[in-house]
């Protein structure tokens, strides 16, 4: 399966609810920025940050009143991914369901392609 045919990035309803909670105490216009950085256990890791600046080339994903942005370099690693939020007995966290990742780490935030 090629990543060109996939929706660039989606946000689950659970993730949108949690992002809305996080952003409720932030200034107007704040959004969640998700990026891919080198490092981590498996070669790359996801970074999450509250941001108020958007670049023209950023991908903007909106759902249920929240906005998530992804820069173009990170998007190359995240095409077709879903940003989710899980709240389980062992902990709560954002998780990226990424069809491009060939392996991941137990920490849930690093991966390889």
Protein backbone atom coordinates (compact mmCIF):
# COMPACT_ATOMS: atom_id res chain seq x y z
CA UNK A 1 0.00 0.00 0.00
CA UNK A 2 1.42 3.41 -0.90
CA UNK A 3 1.14 6.34 1.47
CA UNK A 4 0.14 8.75 -1.33
CA UNK A 5 -3.37 7.27 -1.35
CA UNK A 6 -3.82 7.77 2.40
CA UNK A 7 -5.43 10.72 4.17
CA UNK A 8 -2.49 12.79 5.41
CA UNK A 9 -3.23 12.66 9.17
CA UNK A 10 -6.44 12.13 11.14
CA UNK A 11 -7.41 12.82 14.75
CA UNK A 12 -9.64 10.41 16.69
CA UNK A 13 -12.60 11.62 18.73
CA UNK A 14 -10.78 10.62 21.95
CA UNK A 15 -7.73 12.64 20.96
CA UNK A 16 -9.86 15.65 20.03
CA UNK A 17 -11.55 15.58 23.47
CA UNK A 18 -8.21 15.41 25.29
CA UNK A 19 -6.65 18.14 23.12
CA UNK A 20 -9.67 20.36 23.85
CA UNK A 21 -9.10 19.83 27.60
CA UNK A 22 -5.42 20.70 27.28
CA UNK A 23 -6.04 23.79 25.14
CA UNK A 24 -8.84 25.11 27.38
CA UNK A 25 -6.27 26.81 29.62
CA UNK A 26 -4.16 28.11 26.72
CA UNK A 27 -4.47 31.44 24.88
CA UNK A 28 -6.94 31.80 22.02
CA UNK A 29 -5.54 30.40 18.79
CA UNK A 30 -3.44 27.74 20.52
CA UNK A 31 -3.18 24.36 18.82
CA UNK A 32 -1.36 21.06 19.24
CA UNK A 33 1.77 20.68 17.12
CA UNK A 34 2.90 17.12 16.41
CA UNK A 35 6.34 16.58 14.93
CA UNK A 36 8.79 13.78 14.23
CA UNK A 37 12.31 14.17 15.58
CA UNK A 38 15.39 12.01 15.22
CA UNK A 39 16.25 9.93 18.27
CA UNK A 40 14.33 7.71 20.63
CA UNK A 41 14.68 3.98 21.06
CA UNK A 42 13.83 3.15 17.45
CA UNK A 43 15.33 5.98 15.41
CA UNK A 44 12.50 8.57 15.43
CA UNK A 45 10.21 9.92 18.11
CA UNK A 46 6.99 11.93 18.18
CA UNK A 47 6.97 15.30 19.89
CA UNK A 48 3.80 17.02 21.12
CA UNK A 49 3.70 20.73 21.96
CA UNK A 50 1.14 23.46 22.46
CA UNK A 51 1.88 26.20 19.92
CA UNK A 52 0.33 29.43 18.69
CA UNK A 53 2.31 29.86 15.47
CA UNK A 54 1.44 28.24 12.14
CA UNK A 55 3.57 28.19 9.04
CA UNK A 56 1.97 28.40 5.59
CA UNK A 57 3.28 24.95 4.68
CA UNK A 58 1.99 23.21 7.85
CA UNK A 59 -0.75 20.63 7.47
CA UNK A 60 -3.74 21.76 9.55
CA UNK A 61 -6.17 19.13 10.83
CA UNK A 62 -9.37 20.29 12.52
CA UNK A 63 -11.84 18.15 14.44
CA UNK A 64 -14.51 18.97 16.99
CA UNK A 65 -13.26 22.52 17.52
CA UNK A 66 -9.56 21.74 17.93
CA UNK A 67 -6.62 22.16 15.57
CA UNK A 68 -3.54 19.97 15.15
CA UNK A 69 -0.66 21.06 12.93
CA UNK A 70 2.13 18.98 11.39
CA UNK A 71 5.13 20.43 9.59
CA UNK A 72 5.91 19.14 6.05
CA UNK A 73 9.05 17.20 7.03
CA UNK A 74 7.21 15.34 9.81
CA UNK A 75 4.28 14.73 7.49
CA UNK A 76 6.52 12.62 5.25
CA UNK A 77 6.87 10.18 8.17
CA UNK A 78 3.22 10.44 9.26
CA UNK A 79 1.20 10.12 6.04
CA UNK A 80 -1.91 8.10 6.80
CA UNK A 81 -1.38 8.20 10.58
CA UNK A 82 -4.10 8.61 13.18
CA UNK A 83 -3.49 10.58 16.37
CA UNK A 84 -5.36 8.85 19.18
CA UNK A 85 -5.61 9.20 22.95
CA UNK A 86 -5.92 6.13 25.14
CA UNK A 87 -6.73 6.03 28.83
CA UNK A 88 -5.94 2.59 30.18
CA UNK A 89 -5.18 1.08 33.56
CA UNK A 90 -1.44 1.37 32.91
CA UNK A 91 -1.68 5.06 31.96
CA UNK A 92 -3.07 7.63 29.58
CA UNK A 93 -1.24 8.93 26.53
CA UNK A 94 -1.44 10.14 22.98
CA UNK A 95 -0.60 7.39 20.52
CA UNK A 96 0.14 7.61 16.83
CA UNK A 97 -1.18 4.76 14.72
CA UNK A 98 1.29 5.09 11.86
CA UNK A 99 1.12 2.80 8.81
CA UNK A 100 4.66 3.86 7.85
CA UNK A 101 6.27 2.59 11.06
CA UNK A 102 7.98 -0.76 10.63
CA UNK A 103 8.67 -1.14 14.34
CA UNK A 104 8.03 0.69 17.57
CA UNK A 105 9.23 0.84 21.13
CA UNK A 106 7.51 0.00 24.39
CA UNK A 107 7.45 3.71 25.26
CA UNK A 108 4.89 4.29 22.48
CA UNK A 109 6.54 7.47 21.22
CA UNK A 110 9.41 6.17 19.12
CA UNK A 111 9.40 4.24 15.86
CA UNK A 112 11.42 3.29 12.80
CA UNK A 113 10.53 3.33 9.12
